[in-house]
Amino acid sequence: MTEAHARPNHDYHLVNPSPWPILGSVGAFTMAVGGILWMKGIPFHGIKPGSYIFGAGVLLVLYVMAAWWTDVIREAEYEGSHTRVVQISHRYGMILFIASEVMFFVAWFWAFFDASLFSGEKIEYLRYAFTGGHWPPKGIEAINPWRLPLLNTLILLTSGTTVTWAHYALLQNDRSNLKKGLILTILLGISFTALQAYEYIHAPFAFKGSIYGATFFMATGFHGFHVIIGTIFLSVCLLRVFLGQFTPKQHLGFEFAAWYWHFVDVVWLFLFACIYVWGSWGGIIEH
């Protein structure tokens, strides 16, 4: 009788009271305050505590993330709270999250195309002074897209196939190929990040002092950050696979990681085509 009364008679998940939202907010606020103090170099009694406050905020946020997601896994795997109806809501939430990420990258593409397509606008006299009226700006040597960027493109596209292979293996309850596909995807993601770091180190232009450099590093850099997040996402999924937590009918965490990885793939294709290939052609727009 006790167990019968404990289980709800509906398909929705009524979340129990949790300390993690308020603690996460405190951590984020601490990070913001610490970051401002750190960047501004504001001292208190002869010391500059900004970096320490920022670090404390980061640790608190990481702790909240781990604890909160542990609760979510427990609700899904052991309490049976993630019913089919709840899973549909979660999928809508992930779709909206990815849509918001798409709009985030739209801002960087907007900045790039606004600067490149209208580099010769005389009314934008400061921009004209920096670009010389053409794109790439005067004095800028663009990265050859058919060398390292092309290799990174092939790596990322290959990782999209390996994560799809892993997903198909999970649906077939093939644990061996699931592990192999995930491990390959993670290794490819790490390889992409390492090659991009090498590219940044040897880039013929810097972030500062150039519209080209600013738009290039902001767009590709944030994509690289998303690749790192996706690699961590997939690594957690791999750990959960070894713990036996995913089943062919219950694997939302892995499914969302695969969605996120495919989103990263698609964004890179646009970055490669627009910023690397088109940008290296010059895109000279004279007015």
Foldseek 3Di string as FASTA:
>chain_A
DVVVVVDDPDLAFDDDDDPLVVLLVVLVVQLVQLVVQVVVVDDDPPHRCSVVSNVVSVVSNVVSVVVVVVVVLCCVQPVVNCGPVNLVVVVVVLVVVLVVVVVVLVVLVCLVCVLAQPQQPVVPVVSCVQQVQWFPRPPAQADQLPPLVVVLLVLLVVLLVLLVQLLVCQLVVNLVSVLVSLVSSLVSLVVSLVSVVVCQVPHPDDCPSGSLNVSLCVNVVVLNVLSVVLSVLSVVVSVVSVVVRGHSVRDSSSVSSSVSSVSSSVSSVVCSVVSRVVSNVTSRHHD
